[in-house]
Amino acid sequence: MNEQQNPDAVVLTEDREPQPVLSIRGTARIDELAAHQGERLRELWSAIQARGVAAAGPPFVRYHTFGENETDLEVGIPVLSPAAGEGRIAAGELPGGAAITTWHIGAHDRLAEAYGRLGTWLNEHRRQAAGAAWEVYWWIEPSVEPDPATWPPPSDWRTELVQPIA
């Protein structure tokens, strides 16, 4: 299926509100990403449950840098209202303002194509990124303890990419 046939393979512009989050940021080896993301997501879910905080949507991962062997990533859960951080769990927010978004359906081995659409849009419209993009994992239900065994097969994953723009 090419982009003309896939209605999800478009780039949309949005004006987003800032979103409070609880997140864990740190470095991880590329070959250990899934394990680090899973561990951090479970820790965040437990913290939200312990604090009685309500999730505002599915979890996200934001890559602040992505090197050949290691990445600086932030795993987070949006919350309905600001909540205090503790330990390595930080209170923060995803930025508001102008952004572009696109969708990727399926396993993440082809996620680079969706990032490519964002890059192409930026070039064609002569715009600049305003910070790191993030991925929203719509197949993960934030009200249920994260368990990869209960997630749909990767072919059914719906991932939204959000890129703030200047």
N, C-alpha and C. Protein backbone atom coordinates (compact mmCIF):
# COMPACT_ATOMS: atom_id res chain seq x y z
N MET A 1 0.84 -1.17 0.00
CA MET A 1 0.00 0.00 0.00
C MET A 1 0.89 1.24 0.00
N ASN A 2 0.66 2.17 -0.91
CA ASN A 2 1.47 3.39 -0.93
C ASN A 2 0.75 4.52 -0.19
N GLU A 3 1.40 5.68 -0.07
CA GLU A 3 0.83 6.77 0.70
C GLU A 3 -0.50 7.25 0.15
N GLN A 4 -0.67 7.22 -1.17
CA GLN A 4 -1.92 7.68 -1.76
C GLN A 4 -3.08 6.74 -1.38
N GLN A 5 -2.80 5.48 -1.12
CA GLN A 5 -3.84 4.52 -0.78
C GLN A 5 -4.09 4.47 0.72
N ASN A 6 -3.17 4.90 1.52
CA ASN A 6 -3.27 4.78 2.96
C ASN A 6 -3.67 6.13 3.56
N PRO A 7 -4.94 6.26 4.03
CA PRO A 7 -5.37 7.55 4.57
C PRO A 7 -4.61 7.96 5.83
N ASP A 8 -3.97 7.01 6.52
CA ASP A 8 -3.20 7.33 7.71
C ASP A 8 -1.82 7.90 7.37
N ALA A 9 -1.41 7.80 6.10
CA ALA A 9 -0.07 8.25 5.70
C ALA A 9 -0.09 9.70 5.25
N VAL A 10 -0.74 10.55 6.03
CA VAL A 10 -0.78 11.98 5.74
C VAL A 10 -0.19 12.72 6.93
N VAL A 11 0.18 13.96 6.69
CA VAL A 11 0.69 14.81 7.76
C VAL A 11 -0.33 15.93 7.97
N LEU A 12 -0.75 16.09 9.22
CA LEU A 12 -1.72 17.12 9.58
C LEU A 12 -1.06 18.16 10.47
N THR A 13 -1.55 19.39 10.42
CA THR A 13 -1.08 20.42 11.33
C THR A 13 -2.10 20.58 12.45
N GLU A 14 -1.61 20.88 13.64
CA GLU A 14 -2.47 21.05 14.80
C GLU A 14 -1.94 22.19 15.65
N ASP A 15 -2.81 22.75 16.47
CA ASP A 15 -2.41 23.66 17.53
C ASP A 15 -2.76 22.94 18.82
N ARG A 16 -1.75 22.50 19.55
CA ARG A 16 -1.94 21.65 20.72
C ARG A 16 -1.84 22.45 22.01
N GLU A 17 -2.57 21.99 23.01
CA GLU A 17 -2.47 22.54 24.36
C GLU A 17 -1.31 21.84 25.08
N PRO A 18 -0.61 22.52 25.98
CA PRO A 18 0.40 21.82 26.79
C PRO A 18 -0.28 20.69 27.56
N GLN A 19 0.44 19.58 27.72
CA GLN A 19 -0.12 18.39 28.37
C GLN A 19 0.74 17.99 29.56
N PRO A 20 0.19 18.06 30.80
CA PRO A 20 0.98 17.59 31.95
C PRO A 20 1.28 16.11 31.82
N VAL A 21 2.47 15.72 32.27
CA VAL A 21 2.89 14.32 32.19
C VAL A 21 3.69 13.94 33.43
N LEU A 22 3.76 12.66 33.68
CA LEU A 22 4.76 12.08 34.56
C LEU A 22 5.63 11.23 33.65
N SER A 23 6.95 11.35 33.80
CA SER A 23 7.82 10.63 32.88
C SER A 23 9.13 10.25 33.55
N ILE A 24 9.84 9.35 32.88
CA ILE A 24 11.18 8.94 33.29
C ILE A 24 12.09 9.14 32.08
N ARG A 25 13.13 9.91 32.27
CA ARG A 25 14.08 10.18 31.19
C ARG A 25 15.43 9.59 31.55
N GLY A 26 16.09 9.00 30.57
CA GLY A 26 17.42 8.45 30.76
C GLY A 26 17.94 7.88 29.47
N THR A 27 19.14 7.36 29.53
CA THR A 27 19.74 6.77 28.33
C THR A 27 19.53 5.26 28.34
N ALA A 28 19.53 4.71 27.15
CA ALA A 28 19.39 3.26 26.99
C ALA A 28 20.12 2.85 25.71
N ARG A 29 20.64 1.65 25.74
CA ARG A 29 21.24 1.10 24.52
C ARG A 29 20.11 0.78 23.53
N ILE A 30 20.37 1.03 22.26
CA ILE A 30 19.37 0.79 21.22
C ILE A 30 18.90 -0.66 21.24
N ASP A 31 19.82 -1.59 21.45
CA ASP A 31 19.44 -3.00 21.42
C ASP A 31 18.68 -3.44 22.68
N GLU A 32 18.49 -2.53 23.64
CA GLU A 32 17.76 -2.85 24.86
C GLU A 32 16.54 -1.93 25.04
N LEU A 33 16.12 -1.24 23.97
CA LEU A 33 15.05 -0.27 24.08
C LEU A 33 13.75 -0.86 24.62
N ALA A 34 13.32 -1.97 24.06
CA ALA A 34 12.03 -2.55 24.46
C ALA A 34 12.01 -2.86 25.95
N ALA A 35 13.08 -3.42 26.48
CA ALA A 35 13.14 -3.75 27.90
C ALA A 35 13.10 -2.49 28.76
N HIS A 36 13.87 -1.45 28.37
CA HIS A 36 13.88 -0.20 29.13
C HIS A 36 12.51 0.47 29.09
N GLN A 37 11.89 0.51 27.91
CA GLN A 37 10.58 1.14 27.80
C GLN A 37 9.56 0.40 28.66
N GLY A 38 9.57 -0.92 28.62
CA GLY A 38 8.62 -1.71 29.40
C GLY A 38 8.80 -1.49 30.90
N GLU A 39 10.05 -1.50 31.35
CA GLU A 39 10.34 -1.29 32.78
C GLU A 39 9.87 0.09 33.22
N ARG A 40 10.17 1.11 32.45
CA ARG A 40 9.79 2.48 32.81
C ARG A 40 8.27 2.66 32.77
N LEU A 41 7.64 2.05 31.80
CA LEU A 41 6.19 2.16 31.70
C LEU A 41 5.50 1.51 32.91
N ARG A 42 5.98 0.35 33.32
CA ARG A 42 5.41 -0.31 34.51
C ARG A 42 5.64 0.53 35.77
N GLU A 43 6.82 1.13 35.89
CA GLU A 43 7.12 1.99 37.04
C GLU A 43 6.20 3.21 37.07
N LEU A 44 5.98 3.81 35.91
CA LEU A 44 5.09 4.97 35.83
C LEU A 44 3.66 4.58 36.17
N TRP A 45 3.19 3.46 35.64
CA TRP A 45 1.84 3.00 35.91
C TRP A 45 1.65 2.80 37.41
N SER A 46 2.62 2.16 38.06
CA SER A 46 2.54 1.94 39.51
C SER A 46 2.50 3.26 40.27
N ALA A 47 3.30 4.23 39.85
CA ALA A 47 3.34 5.53 40.52
C ALA A 47 2.01 6.26 40.37
N ILE A 48 1.42 6.20 39.19
CA ILE A 48 0.14 6.85 38.97
C ILE A 48 -0.94 6.21 39.83
N GLN A 49 -0.93 4.88 39.89
CA GLN A 49 -1.91 4.18 40.73
C GLN A 49 -1.72 4.56 42.20
N ALA A 50 -0.49 4.59 42.68
CA ALA A 50 -0.22 4.90 44.08
C ALA A 50 -0.64 6.32 44.44
N ARG A 51 -0.53 7.26 43.47
CA ARG A 51 -0.87 8.65 43.73
C ARG A 51 -2.34 8.95 43.49
N GLY A 52 -3.07 8.01 42.89
CA GLY A 52 -4.47 8.26 42.55
C GLY A 52 -4.63 9.27 41.43
N VAL A 53 -3.64 9.34 40.56
CA VAL A 53 -3.65 10.28 39.44
C VAL A 53 -4.33 9.61 38.24
N ALA A 54 -5.11 10.38 37.51
CA ALA A 54 -5.79 9.84 36.33
C ALA A 54 -4.97 10.09 35.07
N ALA A 55 -4.79 9.04 34.29
CA ALA A 55 -4.12 9.18 32.99
C ALA A 55 -5.04 9.94 32.04
N ALA A 56 -4.45 10.79 31.20
CA ALA A 56 -5.21 11.57 30.23
C ALA A 56 -5.17 10.94 28.84
N GLY A 57 -4.44 9.85 28.69
CA GLY A 57 -4.32 9.22 27.39
C GLY A 57 -3.24 8.16 27.43
N PRO A 58 -2.96 7.58 26.28
CA PRO A 58 -1.96 6.50 26.23
C PRO A 58 -0.54 7.00 26.45
N PRO A 59 0.36 6.09 26.77
CA PRO A 59 1.75 6.46 27.01
C PRO A 59 2.45 6.96 25.75
N PHE A 60 3.56 7.65 25.98
CA PHE A 60 4.36 8.16 24.88
C PHE A 60 5.83 7.86 25.14
N VAL A 61 6.60 7.89 24.07
CA VAL A 61 8.06 7.84 24.16
C VAL A 61 8.58 8.99 23.33
N ARG A 62 9.48 9.76 23.93
CA ARG A 62 10.10 10.91 23.25
C ARG A 62 11.60 10.68 23.24
N TYR A 63 12.15 10.65 22.04
CA TYR A 63 13.60 10.47 21.87
C TYR A 63 14.25 11.84 21.77
N HIS A 64 15.02 12.21 22.79
CA HIS A 64 15.67 13.52 22.78
C HIS A 64 16.92 13.48 21.91
N THR A 65 17.62 12.35 21.90
CA THR A 65 18.70 12.11 20.94
C THR A 65 18.63 10.63 20.56
N PHE A 66 19.09 10.32 19.39
CA PHE A 66 19.07 8.93 18.94
C PHE A 66 20.38 8.66 18.23
N GLY A 67 21.30 8.04 18.96
CA GLY A 67 22.62 7.75 18.40
C GLY A 67 22.67 6.37 17.77
N GLU A 68 23.84 6.01 17.32
CA GLU A 68 24.01 4.71 16.68
C GLU A 68 23.84 3.56 17.66
N ASN A 69 24.31 3.73 18.89
CA ASN A 69 24.25 2.66 19.89
C ASN A 69 23.41 2.98 21.11
N GLU A 70 23.14 4.27 21.34
CA GLU A 70 22.46 4.68 22.57
C GLU A 70 21.50 5.82 22.27
N THR A 71 20.44 5.93 23.07
CA THR A 71 19.48 7.00 22.91
C THR A 71 19.15 7.63 24.26
N ASP A 72 18.81 8.89 24.24
CA ASP A 72 18.29 9.61 25.40
C ASP A 72 16.79 9.67 25.19
N LEU A 73 16.05 8.89 25.98
CA LEU A 73 14.62 8.80 25.78
C LEU A 73 13.85 9.13 27.04
N GLU A 74 12.63 9.54 26.83
CA GLU A 74 11.70 9.86 27.91
C GLU A 74 10.45 9.02 27.68
N VAL A 75 10.10 8.20 28.66
CA VAL A 75 8.88 7.40 28.62
C VAL A 75 7.91 8.09 29.56
N GLY A 76 6.69 8.37 29.10
CA GLY A 76 5.77 9.11 29.95
C GLY A 76 4.33 8.72 29.76
N ILE A 77 3.53 9.21 30.70
CA ILE A 77 2.08 9.05 30.64
C ILE A 77 1.47 10.43 30.86
N PRO A 78 0.61 10.88 29.94
CA PRO A 78 -0.07 12.16 30.16
C PRO A 78 -1.06 12.01 31.31
N VAL A 79 -1.19 13.05 32.11
CA VAL A 79 -2.10 13.03 33.26
C VAL A 79 -3.09 14.19 33.15
N LEU A 80 -4.26 14.00 33.78
CA LEU A 80 -5.31 15.02 33.68
C LEU A 80 -4.92 16.33 34.34
N SER A 81 -4.18 16.26 35.42
CA SER A 81 -3.73 17.48 36.09
C SER A 81 -2.30 17.28 36.57
N PRO A 82 -1.55 18.36 36.70
CA PRO A 82 -0.16 18.21 37.13
C PRO A 82 -0.05 17.42 38.43
N ALA A 83 0.97 16.59 38.50
CA ALA A 83 1.23 15.75 39.68
C ALA A 83 2.71 15.88 40.02
N ALA A 84 3.03 15.69 41.28
CA ALA A 84 4.41 15.82 41.74
C ALA A 84 5.24 14.62 41.30
N GLY A 85 6.47 14.90 40.92
CA GLY A 85 7.42 13.84 40.63
C GLY A 85 8.08 13.37 41.92
N GLU A 86 8.74 12.23 41.83
CA GLU A 86 9.46 11.71 42.98
C GLU A 86 10.49 10.71 42.48
N GLY A 87 11.70 10.79 43.03
CA GLY A 87 12.76 9.89 42.56
C GLY A 87 13.07 10.17 41.10
N ARG A 88 13.13 9.12 40.32
CA ARG A 88 13.44 9.34 38.90
C ARG A 88 12.21 9.67 38.07
N ILE A 89 11.03 9.66 38.69
CA ILE A 89 9.80 10.07 38.00
C ILE A 89 9.68 11.58 38.10
N ALA A 90 9.65 12.22 36.93
CA ALA A 90 9.61 13.69 36.87
C ALA A 90 8.23 14.17 36.45
N ALA A 91 7.81 15.28 37.03
CA ALA A 91 6.62 15.98 36.58
C ALA A 91 7.05 16.92 35.46
N GLY A 92 6.27 17.00 34.42
CA GLY A 92 6.61 17.90 33.31
C GLY A 92 5.41 18.08 32.41
N GLU A 93 5.69 18.46 31.18
CA GLU A 93 4.60 18.59 30.22
C GLU A 93 5.13 18.44 28.80
N LEU A 94 4.25 17.94 27.95
CA LEU A 94 4.52 17.97 26.52
C LEU A 94 4.13 19.35 26.05
N PRO A 95 4.91 19.95 25.15
CA PRO A 95 4.67 21.34 24.79
C PRO A 95 3.39 21.54 23.98
N GLY A 96 2.81 22.71 24.18
CA GLY A 96 1.69 23.14 23.37
C GLY A 96 2.19 23.93 22.17
N GLY A 97 1.27 24.35 21.34
CA GLY A 97 1.61 25.16 20.18
C GLY A 97 1.49 24.38 18.89
N ALA A 98 2.07 24.94 17.85
CA ALA A 98 1.98 24.34 16.52
C ALA A 98 2.74 23.02 16.47
N ALA A 99 2.13 22.04 15.79
CA ALA A 99 2.76 20.72 15.64
C ALA A 99 2.23 20.08 14.36
N ILE A 100 2.99 19.12 13.87
CA ILE A 100 2.52 18.26 12.79
C ILE A 100 2.43 16.85 13.34
N THR A 101 1.48 16.09 12.80
CA THR A 101 1.28 14.71 13.25
C THR A 101 1.11 13.80 12.05
N THR A 102 1.45 12.55 12.27
CA THR A 102 1.18 11.51 11.28
C THR A 102 1.02 10.20 12.04
N TRP A 103 0.53 9.18 11.36
CA TRP A 103 0.26 7.88 11.97
C TRP A 103 1.10 6.80 11.33
N HIS A 104 1.42 5.81 12.12
CA HIS A 104 2.06 4.59 11.63
C HIS A 104 1.22 3.43 12.13
N ILE A 105 0.84 2.57 11.22
CA ILE A 105 0.08 1.37 11.58
C ILE A 105 1.00 0.18 11.39
N GLY A 106 1.18 -0.60 12.46
CA GLY A 106 1.99 -1.81 12.35
C GLY A 106 3.20 -1.79 13.25
N ALA A 107 4.03 -2.81 13.06
CA ALA A 107 5.25 -2.98 13.86
C ALA A 107 6.18 -1.79 13.66
N HIS A 108 7.03 -1.57 14.64
CA HIS A 108 7.90 -0.39 14.61
C HIS A 108 9.14 -0.56 13.74
N ASP A 109 9.31 -1.70 13.10
CA ASP A 109 10.47 -1.86 12.22
C ASP A 109 10.37 -0.96 10.98
N ARG A 110 9.20 -0.39 10.72
CA ARG A 110 9.03 0.53 9.59
C ARG A 110 8.61 1.92 10.04
N LEU A 111 8.81 2.23 11.31
CA LEU A 111 8.43 3.53 11.86
C LEU A 111 9.21 4.66 11.20
N ALA A 112 10.39 4.38 10.69
CA ALA A 112 11.20 5.41 10.03
C ALA A 112 10.46 6.05 8.85
N GLU A 113 9.56 5.30 8.23
CA GLU A 113 8.79 5.86 7.11
C GLU A 113 7.91 7.02 7.59
N ALA A 114 7.29 6.87 8.76
CA ALA A 114 6.45 7.93 9.30
C ALA A 114 7.30 9.15 9.68
N TYR A 115 8.47 8.90 10.28
CA TYR A 115 9.37 10.02 10.58
C TYR A 115 9.81 10.70 9.28
N GLY A 116 10.00 9.92 8.23
CA GLY A 116 10.35 10.48 6.93
C GLY A 116 9.27 11.41 6.40
N ARG A 117 8.00 11.06 6.60
CA ARG A 117 6.90 11.94 6.17
C ARG A 117 6.97 13.28 6.91
N LEU A 118 7.28 13.23 8.21
CA LEU A 118 7.39 14.47 8.97
C LEU A 118 8.54 15.33 8.43
N GLY A 119 9.69 14.69 8.17
CA GLY A 119 10.84 15.41 7.62
C GLY A 119 10.55 16.01 6.27
N THR A 120 9.88 15.27 5.42
CA THR A 120 9.51 15.77 4.09
C THR A 120 8.59 16.97 4.21
N TRP A 121 7.60 16.89 5.10
CA TRP A 121 6.68 18.01 5.31
C TRP A 121 7.46 19.25 5.75
N LEU A 122 8.35 19.09 6.71
CA LEU A 122 9.14 20.23 7.19
C LEU A 122 9.92 20.87 6.05
N ASN A 123 10.56 20.06 5.22
CA ASN A 123 11.33 20.59 4.08
C ASN A 123 10.43 21.28 3.07
N GLU A 124 9.33 20.63 2.71
CA GLU A 124 8.43 21.19 1.69
C GLU A 124 7.78 22.49 2.14
N HIS A 125 7.54 22.64 3.43
CA HIS A 125 6.88 23.83 3.95
C HIS A 125 7.86 24.83 4.58
N ARG A 126 9.15 24.53 4.44
CA ARG A 126 10.22 25.40 4.95
C ARG A 126 9.99 25.76 6.41
N ARG A 127 9.73 24.74 7.21
CA ARG A 127 9.52 24.91 8.65
C ARG A 127 10.60 24.14 9.39
N GLN A 128 10.76 24.48 10.67
CA GLN A 128 11.76 23.84 11.51
C GLN A 128 11.09 23.11 12.67
N ALA A 129 11.69 22.01 13.08
CA ALA A 129 11.24 21.32 14.28
C ALA A 129 11.52 22.20 15.48
N ALA A 130 10.65 22.15 16.47
CA ALA A 130 10.83 22.92 17.71
C ALA A 130 10.91 21.93 18.86
N GLY A 131 12.00 21.19 18.89
CA GLY A 131 12.18 20.18 19.94
C GLY A 131 11.96 18.78 19.41
N ALA A 132 12.13 17.84 20.30
CA ALA A 132 12.03 16.42 19.93
C ALA A 132 10.58 16.01 19.67
N ALA A 133 10.42 15.12 18.71
CA ALA A 133 9.11 14.52 18.43
C ALA A 133 8.83 13.45 19.49
N TRP A 134 7.56 13.02 19.55
CA TRP A 134 7.23 11.90 20.42
C TRP A 134 6.26 10.97 19.72
N GLU A 135 6.26 9.73 20.19
CA GLU A 135 5.40 8.67 19.68
C GLU A 135 4.34 8.38 20.74
N VAL A 136 3.07 8.33 20.32
CA VAL A 136 1.97 8.00 21.23
C VAL A 136 1.50 6.59 20.87
N TYR A 137 1.51 5.72 21.88
CA TYR A 137 1.21 4.30 21.67
C TYR A 137 -0.26 4.02 21.97
N TRP A 138 -1.10 4.18 20.97
CA TRP A 138 -2.55 4.08 21.13
C TRP A 138 -3.02 2.66 21.39
N TRP A 139 -2.19 1.67 21.25
CA TRP A 139 -2.62 0.29 21.52
C TRP A 139 -2.45 -0.08 23.00
N ILE A 140 -1.85 0.81 23.78
CA ILE A 140 -1.64 0.54 25.20
C ILE A 140 -2.69 1.29 26.01
N GLU A 141 -3.50 0.57 26.74
CA GLU A 141 -4.55 1.15 27.58
C GLU A 141 -3.92 1.63 28.89
N PRO A 142 -3.94 2.95 29.17
CA PRO A 142 -3.24 3.47 30.34
C PRO A 142 -3.89 3.11 31.68
N SER A 143 -5.14 2.67 31.66
CA SER A 143 -5.81 2.33 32.93
C SER A 143 -5.55 0.89 33.36
N VAL A 144 -4.83 0.14 32.53
CA VAL A 144 -4.54 -1.27 32.81
C VAL A 144 -3.03 -1.44 32.98
N GLU A 145 -2.63 -2.24 33.96
CA GLU A 145 -1.19 -2.46 34.17
C GLU A 145 -0.55 -2.94 32.88
N PRO A 146 0.56 -2.30 32.46
CA PRO A 146 1.21 -2.67 31.19
C PRO A 146 1.68 -4.12 31.20
N ASP A 147 1.23 -4.85 30.21
CA ASP A 147 1.61 -6.25 30.05
C ASP A 147 1.67 -6.56 28.56
N PRO A 148 2.87 -6.66 27.99
CA PRO A 148 2.98 -6.93 26.55
C PRO A 148 2.21 -8.17 26.09
N ALA A 149 1.98 -9.12 26.99
CA ALA A 149 1.24 -10.32 26.62
C ALA A 149 -0.22 -10.01 26.26
N THR A 150 -0.74 -8.87 26.73
CA THR A 150 -2.13 -8.52 26.45
C THR A 150 -2.28 -7.55 25.29
N TRP A 151 -1.16 -7.06 24.75
CA TRP A 151 -1.23 -6.09 23.67
C TRP A 151 -1.57 -6.80 22.36
N PRO A 152 -2.16 -6.07 21.43
CA PRO A 152 -2.46 -6.68 20.13
C PRO A 152 -1.17 -7.04 19.39
N PRO A 153 -1.28 -7.84 18.35
CA PRO A 153 -0.07 -8.15 17.57
C PRO A 153 0.50 -6.87 16.96
N PRO A 154 1.83 -6.79 16.80
CA PRO A 154 2.45 -5.58 16.25
C PRO A 154 1.83 -5.11 14.94
N SER A 155 1.29 -5.99 14.14
CA SER A 155 0.68 -5.57 12.87
C SER A 155 -0.53 -4.66 13.10
N ASP A 156 -1.11 -4.68 14.32
CA ASP A 156 -2.28 -3.86 14.64
C ASP A 156 -1.94 -2.61 15.46
N TRP A 157 -0.68 -2.38 15.75
CA TRP A 157 -0.31 -1.21 16.55
C TRP A 157 -0.62 0.07 15.80
N ARG A 158 -1.18 1.05 16.52
CA ARG A 158 -1.44 2.39 15.98
C ARG A 158 -0.57 3.37 16.77
N THR A 159 0.39 3.96 16.09
CA THR A 159 1.33 4.89 16.72
C THR A 159 1.18 6.25 16.06
N GLU A 160 0.92 7.25 16.87
CA GLU A 160 0.84 8.63 16.39
C GLU A 160 2.18 9.31 16.65
N LEU A 161 2.72 9.98 15.66
CA LEU A 161 3.94 10.76 15.82
C LEU A 161 3.57 12.24 15.87
N VAL A 162 4.13 12.95 16.84
CA VAL A 162 3.85 14.37 17.04
C VAL A 162 5.18 15.10 16.99
N GLN A 163 5.28 16.10 16.10
CA GLN A 163 6.49 16.90 15.98
C GLN A 163 6.14 18.37 16.18
N PRO A 164 6.54 18.98 17.31
CA PRO A 164 6.34 20.43 17.46
C PRO A 164 7.11 21.18 16.36
N ILE A 165 6.54 22.28 15.90
CA ILE A 165 7.19 23.06 14.85
C ILE A 165 7.29 24.53 15.26
N ALA A 166 8.34 25.17 14.75
CA ALA A 166 8.58 26.59 15.04
C ALA A 166 7.71 27.42 14.10
